Protein backbone atom coordinates (compact mmCIF):
# COMPACT_ATOMS: atom_id res chain seq x y z
CA MET A 1 124.61 52.62 192.91
CA ILE A 2 124.74 54.68 195.96
CA TRP A 3 127.01 57.42 195.05
CA HIS A 4 126.10 60.91 194.04
CA ARG A 5 127.95 60.35 190.66
CA PRO A 6 130.62 57.96 189.48
CA TYR A 7 134.05 58.58 190.89
CA THR A 8 137.16 57.21 190.09
CA LEU A 9 140.03 55.82 192.37
CA GLU A 10 142.20 58.54 191.16
CA GLU A 11 139.42 61.13 192.42
CA ILE A 12 139.08 59.39 195.94
CA ASN A 13 142.97 59.12 196.24
CA ASP A 14 143.20 62.82 195.78
CA LEU A 15 141.32 63.25 198.87
CA PHE A 16 143.15 60.81 200.85
CA ALA A 17 146.54 62.35 199.46
CA ILE A 18 146.07 65.46 201.99
CA ASN A 19 146.15 66.01 205.87
CA MET A 20 146.16 62.99 208.23
CA THR A 21 145.21 60.34 205.62
CA GLY A 22 148.08 61.45 203.47
CA PHE A 23 150.45 61.38 206.10
CA LEU A 24 149.35 57.75 207.00
CA ASP A 25 149.62 56.71 203.45
CA ILE A 26 146.16 55.56 203.28
CA LYS A 27 145.03 54.78 199.86
CA ALA A 28 141.38 53.61 198.32
CA ILE A 29 142.30 50.48 196.58
CA SER A 30 138.66 49.47 195.18
CA ILE A 31 134.75 51.25 194.66
CA THR A 32 132.07 49.26 193.99
CA ASP A 33 128.38 50.40 193.52
CA ASP A 34 127.83 50.58 197.39
CA ALA A 35 131.21 50.21 199.18
CA ILE A 36 134.89 51.69 199.16
CA VAL A 37 137.99 49.51 200.39
CA ALA A 38 141.06 51.40 201.42
CA GLU A 39 144.53 50.57 202.75
CA MET A 40 146.84 51.46 205.09
CA PRO A 41 150.51 50.57 205.89
CA VAL A 42 151.35 49.14 209.62
CA ASN A 43 154.73 51.29 209.95
CA GLU A 44 156.12 53.41 212.63
CA LYS A 45 153.73 56.00 212.01
CA VAL A 46 150.57 53.77 213.11
CA LYS A 47 152.32 51.98 215.85
CA GLN A 48 151.98 52.46 219.70
CA PRO A 49 154.89 52.11 221.71
CA TYR A 50 154.76 48.28 222.09
CA GLY A 51 154.98 47.71 218.34
CA LEU A 52 151.45 47.09 217.49
CA LEU A 53 148.89 48.93 215.26
CA HIS A 54 147.54 51.72 217.68
CA GLY A 55 143.71 51.47 218.16
CA GLY A 56 143.82 55.11 217.20
CA ALA A 57 145.45 54.53 213.82
CA SER A 58 142.66 52.05 213.17
CA CYS A 59 140.11 54.27 214.08
CA VAL A 60 141.32 57.39 211.60
CA LEU A 61 141.38 54.78 208.78
CA ALA A 62 137.64 53.99 209.64
CA GLU A 63 136.81 57.27 210.09
CA SER A 64 138.41 58.46 207.13
CA VAL A 65 137.16 56.13 204.39
CA GLY A 66 133.60 56.48 205.99
CA SER A 67 133.92 60.02 205.81
CA VAL A 68 134.75 60.30 202.22
CA ALA A 69 132.05 57.56 201.33
CA SER A 70 129.45 59.59 203.17
CA ASN A 71 130.76 62.64 201.05
CA LEU A 72 130.41 60.88 197.69
CA VAL A 73 127.03 60.04 198.61
CA ILE A 74 125.67 63.44 198.98
CA ASP A 75 126.11 66.71 196.84
CA SER A 76 129.15 68.00 198.28
CA ASP A 77 128.44 71.63 196.58
CA VAL A 78 125.65 71.89 199.03
CA TYR A 79 126.08 69.28 202.20
CA ALA A 80 128.84 68.10 204.14
CA GLY A 81 129.20 64.63 205.94
CA VAL A 82 131.05 65.53 209.32
CA GLY A 83 131.85 62.74 211.65
CA LEU A 84 129.11 62.69 214.77
CA GLU A 85 130.23 59.46 216.44
CA ILE A 86 132.51 56.21 215.95
CA ASN A 87 133.28 53.25 218.01
CA ALA A 88 135.61 50.45 217.45
CA ASN A 89 136.27 47.14 218.78
CA HIS A 90 139.78 45.97 218.05
CA ILE A 91 139.74 42.34 217.90
CA ARG A 92 143.78 41.15 216.97
CA PRO A 93 146.89 42.78 216.91
CA VAL A 94 148.93 43.63 213.81
CA THR A 95 152.64 44.35 214.02
CA LYS A 96 153.43 44.76 210.27
CA GLY A 97 152.18 44.68 206.65
CA THR A 98 149.02 46.26 205.50
CA VAL A 99 145.39 46.71 207.00
CA LYS A 100 142.68 46.79 204.74
CA ALA A 101 139.00 48.69 205.20
CA THR A 102 135.98 47.91 203.85
CA CYS A 103 133.11 50.40 204.23
CA SER A 104 129.84 49.82 203.30
CA PRO A 105 126.28 51.54 204.34
CA LEU A 106 124.20 50.20 207.37
CA HIS A 107 121.88 53.50 206.60
CA ILE A 108 121.74 56.43 204.27
CA GLY A 109 119.62 58.77 205.39
CA LYS A 110 118.96 62.52 204.80
CA THR A 111 120.75 63.94 207.58
CA THR A 112 122.60 60.59 209.04
CA HIS A 113 124.83 58.30 207.32
CA VAL A 114 126.00 54.97 209.39
CA TRP A 115 128.82 52.78 207.89
CA ASP A 116 130.23 49.64 209.02
CA ILE A 117 133.90 49.44 208.27
CA ARG A 118 135.85 45.98 208.86
CA ILE A 119 139.81 46.15 208.84
CA THR A 120 141.35 43.27 208.12
CA ASN A 121 145.34 42.01 208.19
CA GLU A 122 146.99 40.78 205.04
CA ARG A 123 145.43 37.04 205.66
CA ASP A 124 141.89 38.56 205.46
CA ALA A 125 141.51 38.19 209.28
CA LEU A 126 139.38 40.82 210.98
CA VAL A 127 141.49 43.47 212.99
CA CYS A 128 138.99 46.06 213.89
CA ILE A 129 134.83 46.27 213.50
CA SER A 130 133.98 50.19 213.53
CA ARG A 131 130.56 51.96 213.15
CA LEU A 132 130.74 55.36 212.24
CA THR A 133 127.67 57.92 212.45
CA ILE A 134 128.04 60.76 209.93
CA ALA A 135 125.82 63.95 210.26
CA VAL A 136 124.90 65.62 207.10
CA ILE A 137 124.89 69.25 207.14
CA LYS A 138 124.34 72.52 205.02
CA LYS A 139 127.62 73.68 203.82
CA PRO A 140 127.56 77.55 205.29
CA GLN A 141 127.18 80.12 202.49
CA THR A 142 130.32 82.17 201.77
């Protein structure tokens, strides 16, 4: 298991329930020993003016699930995982339904993490592939 400790879906969804992820209705649906899967409804909140899933919304989904994953790997009392770089290739359009993001590690180092996030549609066809790099920083003393 790559996680700092065992986590429940409820704990992960408490993180997703606030801020932008809460607004976009992103929810974790699965956690395994080395991956997190989250989903997001394709509705008016995440579409661009032509009725397609907005590429930026795909990036929000990818960065959100990857950032949460990084913060579940580290001791979050001492460290924070923050986005350093994200890229995304948008493969096919989506106009309705739900998309699913599967996040798994490519590299887990002491100061950086690199995540592979594959977003698929309801037929498991690839919609977007993203790579997210996270910087692991020491939390400021308060």
